[in-house]
Every structure is written in structure tokens, then in C-alpha cells.
Amino acid sequence: MLFPTIDFAVFFLVVYTGSWLLRPHRVPWRLWILASSIYFYGYWSWHLVPLLLGTVVVNWAFGLAVHAALAPDGSKTPRSRALVAAAVVVDLGVLGYFKYAEFFVGAVAGRLQSLGFHVRNPTLSIVLPIGISFFTFQAISYVVDIGRGVWRRPVPLLDFAVYLTFFAHLVAGPIVRAREFIPQIDEVPDPRRVRSAEAFMLIFRGLFKKVVISSYMATVADPVFALPSQHSRWAVLWGVWAYAIQIYADFSGYTDIAIGVALLLGIRFPENFDAPYRSLSFQEFWHRWHMTLSRWLRDYLYIPLGGNRHGRFNTYRNLMLTMLLGGLWHGASWTFVVWGGWHGSFLCLDHWREERRNARGLPEPVVDRRGRIIRRIVTFNIVCVGWVFFRATSFLNAWDVFKQIPTHWGGPSPLITGSVLLATFAGIACQYIPPDMMERLRTAFAGLSPAKMGLALGLGLFVIDALGPQGVSPFIYYAF
């Protein structure tokens, strides 16, 4: 069930009505949200619902066991550490089977063939459950946080089930931690105080990004990456830029809608994007891009590996391992690993520069307006190089894209239309809208009467429908 569809609009209208009618009643409201979320997930494939519910029960049970194994003062014990490790192994084992089994079996078969053994390439035909990476990471964070003493007592099973299955973040994030979500469902918010104007603006913004900007960018990126040799250098270069804008508009558009939908139900999610393409460095990019994943990787992978506590070499090693595994998290392909390594290398370079400056006792350099523009252009294009590996179906496909840019001049491309140019400009320009301007717009929108607000929303939806192409493609991050 895609967000920008009539099916979801009807579904959410029913859920919204039932939610506010039942919110004062603790158990009925939780059961209503749980049943709605299961229906939402089952709409994709009912036979995968047991996997989702099994993840809920298993991790809730691990949470109980880990909490019982802690010392009386809440500190870790060898048994609690072992149970946390067991929970992580189980969760990653399930994730690994569905997401990577075919990849690794194929890699082993290919290696054996290269050594002269006659081995057929096996086909396991494993169906990847939608959203498995997101709800698995959330389950891991809950158990690990109990082991760290973040939770004084495990949450009830029904609360944990609502948290892990909540439909707004279930299939593509943002990655919401239990401590960010559970306290909110214990409250009974006043529906008159819900920030509905902010929610509607988020939903409208997300729809515009997805239906208009992302769709137009796909008309360039998809044919370019499908057959790069058939296009001129400018079309291929524009296709690379278009994919960078497409994946931002697609994923941040989903996040905007998810945050807005949750906000209408009285639940606030953490922010997930903050104008990443205006970054001056790779460190800043990862503070702005998929922020909930960045923080998850930092807190549950980079810091446990040692972080920056054991010298320069170990810091670089931990950064690189974190980004390589972050790349592999996106999919079972070596191109994703290279994408992670590309980002890890530039993060290490940023750290090296910062260390050299600190060692010399130099202050943070003051960058003038021209310098900021140059750094943003350079950072954006280096990020785009990484996106080529992320989007390419193979190394050969990525090489064809890179090879075409300096070698095949060609003429004007029919792919780069006026609509594509406008969508490209809009995709970049939205990164530079001042936050205070958006806040003033929210305030003005919130001040409208219900009739005028409804008219504005209806007009906005009409414009989006008129500007967007026919049909709505699945969100890119549904595949992860």
C-alpha cells in the first residue's frame, strides 16, 4: 500500500477516526493500532506477517531475559551480555538469510568455478520481506538499550508490538528507537492540540517530492543507467545528477509523509533529512542524510567497535567498517559495499584534516561565500560518484556510466526537457529554503480557517496530480 494512493487515503481515514475515538482507552487503542499496522503490512504479503510478529515476540522475550540477567544495580553481567549477543545474532541471522543468503551462496559458487570446479549457480528464490532491515534494526536497538540500562523495566508486550509494527515507520523508516516512541503512547494527547497544520504541510511536501520531483528525475536516470552507451555525455552526467536528486526526493518525501501521518495520530518521529546537498563536507552530509540510520550506526556499531577512543588507526578502521557494513545493509551486492567504502574513505579524509588542524592548534577555518559554494559543489559531485555505484546493477554498468561521460560527446538529449530542468532546479533549490521561512509559512497556514485550509490542501493536491505523471512507482527504499 503506497502512501500517495487512494487505497492508503481510505485506510488512513479509517485508522485516524478509530485512533482518536479509542485514544483515551489504553488497551483498545493499542489493539486498534496493532491490527491496523498488521493489515497495512499484510496488504503487501500476508504470508510474511508471521515473520513480523515473530520478530516482535522473540525480541520482547529477549528483552525480558536480558533485564532479568542484569545486576541489582542495573549494571551489565556476563549473562546479560551473552543474551544481548544472542539476540543480535538471531536478528542478524534472520536478516542475513532473507537479504544475503543468495548473494553469499552465489559468491561461493563463483569462487569455486574460478578454481576449476564445475558448480551450478544455485537459485534460492528467497523473497525479501519489505521493511525487514528497518524493523530488525529497531528490535536490536531495544534489546541493546535494555542491556545498557536505558530501560529500568521492559515494556509490556502489547506496547512493544505497537512500537515495532507501527505502520507509519514500518516499511522504510525513519528508524525510531523505543525510548523515542513508547513514552508517547503512554500519553493521551488532546486532539485539538495536535499540530495538524505542520502535519499537512509535511504530507504535501512529501507528496510533491515523490510524485513530481522524483518522478521527473526518474525519466532521465532510469534510461541512462539502463543503457548508458546509448546517451551523450551530457545526458549521462545529467542522469547521475538526476538520480542523486531522485533518491533524495523519493526517500525524504516518504519520510515527510510518514512523519506527517504519525503527527496526525499524536506521535512525533525524529527528523530524518536536513538539506543534505548543501553540505560542506562528508561529515556534514552524514549529519544531514538519513539521520536516524547515521545515529543508529554510530551508537550500535561505530561506538561498540571502539569509536575514536583508541588512536588514529583504529578510528579510521572503525569508520571504514561502519560504512562498509552500512553499505552492505542497503543490499546484497558488491556495488553497495563499494558505495560504503567510498563514503568511508572521505569520512576518514575529513577526520584526518580535522586532526591535522587540531594538532597544529589552528582554529576552524572561516570559509567565505565563494568558498562555501565551491565546497558544496565539490561535495555534491563526490556524493554523486558514490550514487553511481549505489544505482548501478553491476560494476560493468557503473563503468559504462563513468566511461561515457568523458568520451561520448553527442548532441542535445531528448531526455532533458524543460520539465526535467524545472524539477532539477526545484530539487536543489528546496535544500536552500531558510528554516525560518518554512516556520513562517507553517504559522500562516495554521492561522487559516478550516475551510480555507481545506481549500488550500485540495488545490495543492490538484496541482501535484496535474504535474505528476500517471501512476506512482514504489518508494526506492522499500527495497531495503
Protein backbone atom coordinates (compact mmCIF):
# COMPACT_ATOMS: atom_id res chain seq x y z
CA MET A 1 0.00 0.00 0.00
CA LEU A 2 1.77 3.12 -1.23
CA PHE A 3 1.31 6.41 0.61
CA PRO A 4 0.32 8.51 -2.46
CA THR A 5 -2.69 6.31 -3.39
CA ILE A 6 -6.43 6.29 -2.84
CA ASP A 7 -6.09 2.93 -1.05
CA PHE A 8 -3.87 4.46 1.62
CA ALA A 9 -6.05 7.58 1.91
CA VAL A 10 -9.09 5.42 2.70
CA PHE A 11 -7.06 3.22 5.04
CA PHE A 12 -5.68 6.20 6.95
CA LEU A 13 -9.07 7.90 7.22
CA VAL A 14 -10.43 4.77 8.94
CA VAL A 15 -7.37 4.43 11.18
CA TYR A 16 -7.40 8.14 12.07
CA THR A 17 -11.06 8.09 13.07
CA GLY A 18 -10.72 4.92 15.14
CA SER A 19 -7.50 6.12 16.74
CA TRP A 20 -8.93 9.34 18.16
CA LEU A 21 -12.13 7.63 19.28
CA LEU A 22 -10.14 4.97 21.15
CA ARG A 23 -7.15 7.02 22.34
CA PRO A 24 -8.49 7.60 25.87
CA HIS A 25 -8.76 3.81 26.29
CA ARG A 26 -5.31 2.31 26.74
CA VAL A 27 -5.72 -1.30 25.59
CA PRO A 28 -8.40 -0.83 22.86
CA TRP A 29 -6.30 1.93 21.22
CA ARG A 30 -3.19 -0.24 21.19
CA LEU A 31 -5.10 -3.18 19.74
CA TRP A 32 -6.60 -0.91 17.08
CA ILE A 33 -3.20 0.45 16.01
CA LEU A 34 -1.65 -3.05 16.08
CA ALA A 35 -4.47 -4.52 13.96
CA SER A 36 -4.24 -1.59 11.53
CA SER A 37 -0.48 -2.00 11.21
CA ILE A 38 -0.76 -5.73 10.60
CA TYR A 39 -3.36 -5.06 7.90
CA PHE A 40 -1.04 -2.45 6.34
CA TYR A 41 1.86 -4.91 6.27
CA GLY A 42 -0.30 -7.80 5.16
CA TYR A 43 -1.57 -5.72 2.25
CA TRP A 44 1.83 -6.33 0.67
CA SER A 45 2.06 -10.02 1.51
CA TRP A 46 0.05 -11.79 4.21
CA HIS A 47 2.38 -14.78 4.34
CA LEU A 48 5.16 -12.54 5.77
CA VAL A 49 3.06 -11.29 8.70
CA PRO A 50 4.19 -14.24 10.91
CA LEU A 51 7.81 -13.11 10.40
CA LEU A 52 6.96 -9.62 11.65
CA LEU A 53 5.02 -10.94 14.65
CA GLY A 54 7.74 -13.50 15.37
CA THR A 55 10.30 -10.68 15.46
CA VAL A 56 8.09 -8.89 17.98
CA VAL A 57 7.70 -11.87 20.32
CA VAL A 58 11.31 -13.07 20.14
CA ASN A 59 12.84 -9.65 20.84
CA TRP A 60 10.36 -8.86 23.58
CA ALA A 61 11.29 -12.20 25.23
CA PHE A 62 15.00 -11.39 24.85
CA GLY A 63 14.34 -8.03 26.48
CA LEU A 64 12.76 -9.73 29.50
CA ALA A 65 15.64 -12.19 29.77
CA VAL A 66 18.33 -9.50 29.45
CA HIS A 67 16.66 -7.32 32.09
CA ALA A 68 16.39 -10.28 34.49
CA ALA A 69 20.10 -11.02 33.98
CA LEU A 70 21.27 -7.51 34.92
CA ALA A 71 22.84 -6.92 38.33
CA PRO A 72 20.59 -5.49 41.08
CA ASP A 73 22.02 -2.02 40.43
CA GLY A 74 21.22 -2.32 36.71
CA SER A 75 24.80 -2.90 35.58
CA LYS A 76 25.81 -5.47 32.99
CA THR A 77 26.69 -9.06 33.86
CA PRO A 78 28.32 -11.78 31.75
CA ARG A 79 24.90 -13.40 31.35
CA SER A 80 23.21 -10.17 30.21
CA ARG A 81 26.00 -9.56 27.69
CA ALA A 82 25.64 -13.10 26.35
CA LEU A 83 21.87 -12.69 25.99
CA VAL A 84 22.24 -9.38 24.16
CA ALA A 85 24.77 -11.01 21.84
CA ALA A 86 22.38 -13.92 21.27
CA ALA A 87 19.52 -11.55 20.39
CA VAL A 88 21.71 -9.66 17.91
CA VAL A 89 22.88 -12.93 16.34
CA VAL A 90 19.28 -14.16 15.97
CA ASP A 91 18.09 -10.87 14.47
CA LEU A 92 21.02 -10.56 12.09
CA GLY A 93 20.75 -14.24 11.24
CA VAL A 94 17.15 -13.80 10.09
CA LEU A 95 18.03 -10.60 8.24
CA GLY A 96 21.07 -12.26 6.69
CA TYR A 97 19.09 -15.25 5.46
CA PHE A 98 16.47 -13.21 3.67
CA LYS A 99 18.77 -10.50 2.42
CA TYR A 100 22.17 -12.07 1.82
CA ALA A 101 21.90 -15.87 1.58
CA GLU A 102 21.56 -15.91 -2.19
CA PHE A 103 24.34 -13.34 -2.55
CA PHE A 104 26.86 -15.30 -0.47
CA VAL A 105 25.91 -18.68 -1.94
CA GLY A 106 26.36 -17.21 -5.41
CA ALA A 107 29.72 -15.68 -4.42
CA VAL A 108 30.97 -19.03 -3.11
CA ALA A 109 29.77 -20.80 -6.25
CA GLY A 110 31.51 -18.21 -8.42
CA ARG A 111 34.73 -18.64 -6.47
CA LEU A 112 34.62 -22.42 -6.84
CA GLN A 113 34.02 -22.04 -10.56
CA SER A 114 37.06 -19.76 -10.84
CA LEU A 115 39.13 -22.51 -9.20
CA GLY A 116 38.04 -25.01 -11.82
CA PHE A 117 35.20 -26.76 -10.03
CA HIS A 118 32.02 -27.40 -12.02
CA VAL A 119 29.35 -25.87 -9.81
CA ARG A 120 25.95 -24.65 -10.93
CA ASN A 121 24.88 -21.23 -9.78
CA PRO A 122 22.20 -22.00 -7.16
CA THR A 123 18.90 -20.13 -7.16
CA LEU A 124 17.29 -19.99 -3.73
CA SER A 125 14.32 -17.81 -4.81
CA ILE A 126 14.14 -16.07 -1.42
CA VAL A 127 11.52 -13.31 -1.26
CA LEU A 128 12.84 -10.27 0.63
CA PRO A 129 10.27 -9.18 3.23
CA ILE A 130 9.51 -5.49 2.82
CA GLY A 131 10.87 -3.34 5.63
CA ILE A 132 12.87 -6.16 7.27
CA SER A 133 16.00 -4.03 7.65
CA PHE A 134 14.12 -1.25 9.42
CA PHE A 135 12.15 -3.29 11.92
CA THR A 136 15.15 -5.54 12.60
CA PHE A 137 17.35 -2.54 13.46
CA GLN A 138 14.64 -1.17 15.75
CA ALA A 139 14.33 -4.54 17.50
CA ILE A 140 18.10 -4.70 18.02
CA SER A 141 18.20 -1.18 19.46
CA TYR A 142 15.52 -2.10 22.03
CA VAL A 143 17.33 -5.19 23.32
CA VAL A 144 20.73 -3.47 23.36
CA ASP A 145 19.27 -0.48 25.23
CA ILE A 146 17.86 -2.81 27.90
CA GLY A 147 21.31 -4.36 28.25
CA ARG A 148 22.78 -0.88 28.64
CA GLY A 149 20.29 0.02 31.36
CA VAL A 150 18.41 2.58 29.30
CA TRP A 151 15.14 0.91 30.29
CA ARG A 152 14.54 0.36 34.02
CA ARG A 153 11.93 -2.26 33.16
CA PRO A 154 10.95 -3.98 29.90
CA VAL A 155 7.88 -2.59 28.17
CA PRO A 156 4.68 -4.68 28.01
CA LEU A 157 4.32 -6.98 25.01
CA LEU A 158 1.41 -5.01 23.54
CA ASP A 159 3.35 -1.73 23.76
CA PHE A 160 6.38 -3.31 22.13
CA ALA A 161 4.20 -4.79 19.37
CA VAL A 162 2.69 -1.37 18.63
CA TYR A 163 6.17 0.18 18.56
CA LEU A 164 7.74 -2.35 16.20
CA THR A 165 4.80 -2.71 13.80
CA PHE A 166 3.54 0.90 13.69
CA PHE A 167 2.63 1.30 10.02
CA ALA A 168 3.96 4.84 9.52
CA HIS A 169 7.61 3.80 10.02
CA LEU A 170 7.31 0.06 9.37
CA VAL A 171 8.49 -0.37 5.79
CA ALA A 172 11.01 2.44 5.20
CA GLY A 173 11.69 4.24 8.45
CA PRO A 174 12.65 6.58 9.91
CA ILE A 175 14.39 4.27 12.37
CA VAL A 176 12.59 5.20 15.59
CA ARG A 177 14.01 3.98 18.89
CA ALA A 178 11.77 2.60 21.61
CA ARG A 179 12.70 5.40 24.01
CA GLU A 180 11.52 7.91 21.39
CA PHE A 181 8.22 6.11 20.75
CA ILE A 182 7.00 4.24 23.85
CA PRO A 183 6.67 7.28 26.19
CA GLN A 184 4.40 8.96 23.63
CA ILE A 185 1.84 6.15 23.55
CA ASP A 186 1.54 6.36 27.34
CA GLU A 187 0.23 9.89 26.93
CA VAL A 188 -3.32 10.83 25.94
CA PRO A 189 -2.91 13.90 23.74
CA ASP A 190 -5.66 16.45 23.20
CA PRO A 191 -6.72 16.18 19.51
CA ARG A 192 -7.27 19.95 19.48
CA ARG A 193 -3.58 20.49 20.27
CA VAL A 194 -2.22 18.21 17.55
CA ARG A 195 -0.08 20.21 15.12
CA SER A 196 -2.26 19.32 12.14
CA ALA A 197 -1.07 22.28 10.06
CA GLU A 198 2.53 21.09 10.35
CA ALA A 199 1.45 17.52 9.56
CA PHE A 200 -0.47 18.55 6.44
CA MET A 201 2.44 20.63 5.19
CA LEU A 202 4.81 17.69 5.70
CA ILE A 203 2.46 15.37 3.82
CA PHE A 204 2.01 17.88 1.00
CA ARG A 205 5.78 18.44 0.76
CA GLY A 206 6.43 14.70 0.73
CA LEU A 207 3.84 14.12 -2.00
CA PHE A 208 5.34 16.87 -4.15
CA LYS A 209 8.83 15.44 -3.77
CA LYS A 210 7.71 11.90 -4.58
CA VAL A 211 5.05 12.41 -7.24
CA VAL A 212 6.60 15.36 -9.09
CA ILE A 213 10.35 15.77 -8.50
CA SER A 214 11.30 12.11 -8.06
CA SER A 215 9.14 11.02 -11.00
CA TYR A 216 10.68 13.53 -13.41
CA MET A 217 14.18 12.67 -12.28
CA ALA A 218 13.41 9.00 -12.96
CA THR A 219 12.64 9.83 -16.61
CA VAL A 220 16.33 10.72 -17.02
CA ALA A 221 18.07 8.44 -14.51
CA ASP A 222 16.31 5.19 -15.45
CA PRO A 223 17.09 5.17 -19.20
CA VAL A 224 20.63 6.49 -18.62
CA PHE A 225 21.53 3.72 -16.16
CA ALA A 226 19.72 1.10 -18.24
CA LEU A 227 21.76 1.81 -21.40
CA PRO A 228 24.45 4.43 -20.76
CA SER A 229 26.16 3.76 -24.11
CA GLN A 230 23.05 4.99 -25.94
CA HIS A 231 23.25 8.50 -24.49
CA SER A 232 25.52 11.52 -24.85
CA ARG A 233 27.93 12.61 -22.14
CA TRP A 234 25.61 15.41 -21.02
CA ALA A 235 22.63 13.09 -20.81
CA VAL A 236 24.67 10.60 -18.74
CA LEU A 237 26.05 13.35 -16.49
CA TRP A 238 22.55 14.73 -16.04
CA GLY A 239 21.32 11.20 -15.36
CA VAL A 240 23.81 10.89 -12.49
CA TRP A 241 22.71 14.22 -11.03
CA ALA A 242 19.07 13.25 -11.61
CA TYR A 243 19.47 10.04 -9.64
CA ALA A 244 21.03 11.95 -6.72
CA ILE A 245 18.00 14.23 -6.67
CA GLN A 246 15.59 11.35 -7.30
CA ILE A 247 16.73 9.25 -4.35
CA TYR A 248 16.68 12.32 -2.07
CA ALA A 249 13.21 13.41 -3.20
CA ASP A 250 11.91 9.84 -3.06
CA PHE A 251 13.26 8.91 0.38
CA SER A 252 12.87 12.27 2.11
CA GLY A 253 9.40 12.51 0.53
CA TYR A 254 8.47 9.20 2.12
CA THR A 255 9.87 10.38 5.45
CA ASP A 256 7.94 13.65 5.28
CA ILE A 257 4.69 11.76 4.70
CA ALA A 258 5.48 9.23 7.45
CA ILE A 259 6.26 11.98 9.98
CA GLY A 260 3.13 13.89 8.97
CA VAL A 261 0.89 10.81 9.20
CA ALA A 262 2.26 9.93 12.65
CA LEU A 263 1.86 13.53 13.79
CA LEU A 264 -1.84 13.46 12.87
CA LEU A 265 -2.14 10.49 15.24
CA GLY A 266 -0.40 12.42 18.02
CA ILE A 267 3.05 10.79 17.67
CA ARG A 268 6.19 12.67 16.66
CA PHE A 269 9.01 10.93 14.81
CA PRO A 270 12.61 12.18 14.74
CA GLU A 271 13.73 14.19 11.74
CA ASN A 272 15.49 12.11 9.07
CA PHE A 273 16.76 14.63 6.47
CA ASP A 274 18.11 18.16 6.76
CA ALA A 275 19.03 19.53 3.31
CA PRO A 276 21.96 17.09 2.77
CA TYR A 277 23.03 18.50 -0.60
CA ARG A 278 24.03 21.82 0.94
CA SER A 279 26.74 20.06 2.99
CA LEU A 280 30.29 21.42 3.00
CA SER A 281 31.89 18.06 3.84
CA PHE A 282 31.14 14.36 4.10
CA GLN A 283 30.86 14.58 7.88
CA GLU A 284 28.19 17.22 7.47
CA PHE A 285 26.48 15.15 4.76
CA TRP A 286 26.05 12.23 7.16
CA HIS A 287 24.74 14.59 9.83
CA ARG A 288 22.01 15.57 7.33
CA TRP A 289 21.31 12.40 5.30
CA HIS A 290 19.17 9.53 6.72
CA MET A 291 19.99 10.85 10.16
CA THR A 292 18.24 8.08 12.08
CA LEU A 293 20.37 5.45 10.31
CA SER A 294 23.53 7.53 10.85
CA ARG A 295 22.83 7.74 14.59
CA TRP A 296 21.97 4.03 14.73
CA LEU A 297 25.25 3.08 13.05
CA ARG A 298 27.14 5.42 15.39
CA ASP A 299 25.53 4.17 18.62
CA TYR A 300 25.22 0.46 17.87
CA LEU A 301 28.19 -0.20 15.59
CA TYR A 302 30.83 2.55 15.49
CA ILE A 303 31.00 3.18 19.26
CA PRO A 304 30.91 -0.56 20.22
CA LEU A 305 33.78 -1.09 17.76
CA GLY A 306 35.78 1.44 19.78
CA GLY A 307 34.82 4.70 18.08
CA ASN A 308 37.67 7.18 18.20
CA ARG A 309 38.94 6.11 21.63
CA HIS A 310 41.98 4.02 20.66
CA GLY A 311 44.11 6.08 18.34
CA ARG A 312 44.07 7.26 14.76
CA PHE A 313 44.38 3.89 13.03
CA ASN A 314 41.54 2.32 14.99
CA THR A 315 39.36 5.37 14.39
CA TYR A 316 39.85 5.07 10.63
CA ARG A 317 39.31 1.33 10.79
CA ASN A 318 36.08 1.73 12.75
CA LEU A 319 34.81 4.42 10.39
CA MET A 320 35.53 2.28 7.37
CA LEU A 321 33.98 -0.87 8.86
CA THR A 322 30.88 1.08 9.85
CA MET A 323 30.42 2.50 6.36
CA LEU A 324 31.19 -0.81 4.62
CA LEU A 325 28.58 -2.56 6.75
CA GLY A 326 26.22 0.38 6.23
CA GLY A 327 26.65 -0.11 2.50
CA LEU A 328 26.01 -3.84 2.78
CA TRP A 329 22.89 -3.09 4.85
CA HIS A 330 21.39 -1.49 1.74
CA GLY A 331 21.62 -4.65 -0.34
CA ALA A 332 23.40 -7.87 -1.20
CA SER A 333 25.74 -6.52 -3.86
CA TRP A 334 29.39 -5.57 -4.01
CA THR A 335 28.37 -2.25 -5.55
CA PHE A 336 26.75 -1.30 -2.23
CA VAL A 337 29.95 -2.26 -0.42
CA VAL A 338 31.95 0.00 -2.75
CA TRP A 339 29.44 2.79 -2.11
CA GLY A 340 30.00 2.36 1.63
CA GLY A 341 33.78 2.27 1.14
CA TRP A 342 33.64 5.45 -0.96
CA HIS A 343 31.86 7.32 1.82
CA GLY A 344 34.09 5.75 4.49
CA SER A 345 37.23 6.94 2.65
CA PHE A 346 36.07 10.55 2.54
CA LEU A 347 34.90 10.45 6.15
CA CYS A 348 38.41 9.28 7.09
CA LEU A 349 39.86 12.11 4.99
CA ASP A 350 37.67 14.65 6.82
CA HIS A 351 38.83 13.25 10.18
CA TRP A 352 42.47 13.37 9.06
CA ARG A 353 42.16 17.03 8.08
CA GLU A 354 40.49 17.85 11.38
CA GLU A 355 43.23 16.03 13.32
CA ARG A 356 45.98 17.89 11.47
CA ARG A 357 44.32 21.22 12.17
CA ASN A 358 43.86 20.41 15.87
CA ALA A 359 47.45 19.13 16.16
CA ARG A 360 48.72 22.45 14.84
CA GLY A 361 46.41 24.37 17.16
CA LEU A 362 44.70 26.05 14.23
CA PRO A 363 41.14 27.35 14.56
CA GLU A 364 38.27 26.24 12.36
CA PRO A 365 38.87 27.96 9.00
CA VAL A 366 36.47 30.73 8.06
CA VAL A 367 35.01 29.98 4.64
CA ASP A 368 33.64 32.89 2.63
CA ARG A 369 30.58 32.71 0.40
CA ARG A 370 32.55 31.75 -2.70
CA GLY A 371 34.41 29.05 -0.76
CA ARG A 372 31.15 27.61 0.57
CA ILE A 373 29.71 27.43 -2.94
CA ILE A 374 32.81 25.61 -4.23
CA ARG A 375 32.84 23.17 -1.31
CA ARG A 376 29.15 22.41 -1.74
CA ILE A 377 29.57 21.74 -5.46
CA VAL A 378 32.60 19.51 -4.85
CA THR A 379 30.91 17.59 -2.01
CA PHE A 380 27.73 17.12 -4.04
CA ASN A 381 29.59 15.74 -7.04
CA ILE A 382 31.71 13.38 -4.94
CA VAL A 383 28.49 12.12 -3.37
CA CYS A 384 27.11 11.66 -6.89
CA VAL A 385 30.06 9.42 -7.81
CA GLY A 386 29.05 7.18 -4.94
CA TRP A 387 25.42 7.20 -6.12
CA VAL A 388 26.57 5.69 -9.43
CA PHE A 389 27.69 2.53 -7.58
CA PHE A 390 24.52 2.62 -5.47
CA ARG A 391 22.25 2.77 -8.55
CA ALA A 392 24.25 0.59 -10.95
CA THR A 393 23.20 -3.04 -11.36
CA SER A 394 26.84 -4.18 -11.60
CA PHE A 395 30.40 -2.89 -11.76
CA LEU A 396 30.22 -3.13 -15.56
CA ASN A 397 27.12 -0.94 -15.55
CA ALA A 398 28.88 1.60 -13.30
CA TRP A 399 31.95 1.57 -15.56
CA ASP A 400 29.78 2.19 -18.63
CA VAL A 401 28.33 5.26 -16.90
CA PHE A 402 31.74 6.65 -15.93
CA LYS A 403 33.24 5.85 -19.34
CA GLN A 404 30.51 7.62 -21.25
CA ILE A 405 30.96 10.99 -19.54
CA PRO A 406 34.46 11.90 -20.83
CA THR A 407 34.35 10.00 -24.14
CA HIS A 408 30.97 10.38 -25.83
CA TRP A 409 30.15 13.98 -26.70
CA GLY A 410 26.93 13.65 -28.66
CA GLY A 411 24.33 16.38 -29.05
CA PRO A 412 21.33 17.64 -27.10
CA SER A 413 19.39 14.87 -25.39
CA PRO A 414 15.62 14.47 -25.73
CA LEU A 415 15.63 13.28 -22.10
CA ILE A 416 16.50 16.74 -20.78
CA THR A 417 13.21 18.55 -21.27
CA GLY A 418 12.01 21.82 -19.81
CA SER A 419 10.03 19.92 -17.16
CA VAL A 420 13.14 17.98 -16.17
CA LEU A 421 15.16 21.21 -15.89
CA LEU A 422 12.49 22.77 -13.66
CA ALA A 423 12.27 19.63 -11.48
CA THR A 424 16.07 19.55 -11.17
CA PHE A 425 16.13 23.18 -10.11
CA ALA A 426 13.32 22.57 -7.60
CA GLY A 427 15.11 19.52 -6.18
CA ILE A 428 18.25 21.55 -5.49
CA ALA A 429 16.53 24.81 -4.53
CA CYS A 430 14.48 23.14 -1.79
CA GLN A 431 17.77 22.43 0.02
CA TYR A 432 18.33 26.17 0.49
CA ILE A 433 14.96 27.29 1.85
CA PRO A 434 15.72 29.04 5.17
CA PRO A 435 14.16 27.24 8.18
CA ASP A 436 12.63 30.49 9.46
CA MET A 437 10.82 30.93 6.14
CA MET A 438 9.29 27.47 6.49
CA GLU A 439 8.29 28.26 10.06
CA ARG A 440 6.56 31.47 8.96
CA LEU A 441 4.74 29.54 6.26
CA ARG A 442 3.61 26.93 8.82
CA THR A 443 2.39 29.68 11.13
CA ALA A 444 0.45 31.37 8.33
CA PHE A 445 -1.06 28.05 7.23
CA ALA A 446 -2.04 27.17 10.81
CA GLY A 447 -3.81 30.52 11.08
CA LEU A 448 -6.21 29.72 8.25
CA SER A 449 -9.77 28.78 8.97
CA PRO A 450 -10.65 25.08 8.47
CA ALA A 451 -12.47 25.92 5.22
CA LYS A 452 -9.52 27.87 3.79
CA MET A 453 -7.06 25.22 4.97
CA GLY A 454 -9.10 22.50 3.26
CA LEU A 455 -9.31 24.59 0.08
CA ALA A 456 -5.54 25.14 0.09
CA LEU A 457 -4.88 21.43 0.59
CA GLY A 458 -7.31 20.48 -2.16
CA LEU A 459 -5.71 22.93 -4.55
CA GLY A 460 -2.26 21.64 -3.64
CA LEU A 461 -3.27 18.03 -4.27
CA PHE A 462 -4.79 19.04 -7.61
CA VAL A 463 -1.53 20.74 -8.64
CA ILE A 464 0.53 17.69 -7.63
CA ASP A 465 -1.78 15.37 -9.54
CA ALA A 466 -1.66 17.64 -12.61
CA LEU A 467 2.13 17.98 -12.58
CA GLY A 468 2.96 14.35 -11.82
CA PRO A 469 2.95 11.54 -14.40
CA GLN A 470 0.40 8.76 -14.48
CA GLY A 471 0.82 6.10 -11.79
CA VAL A 472 3.05 6.06 -8.71
CA SER A 473 6.15 3.87 -8.54
CA PRO A 474 7.14 2.19 -5.24
CA PHE A 475 9.48 4.14 -2.98
CA ILE A 476 13.15 3.30 -3.65
CA TYR A 477 13.85 2.42 -0.01
CA TYR A 478 11.07 -0.18 0.03
CA ALA A 479 13.75 -2.45 -1.46
CA PHE A 480 15.97 -2.14 1.61
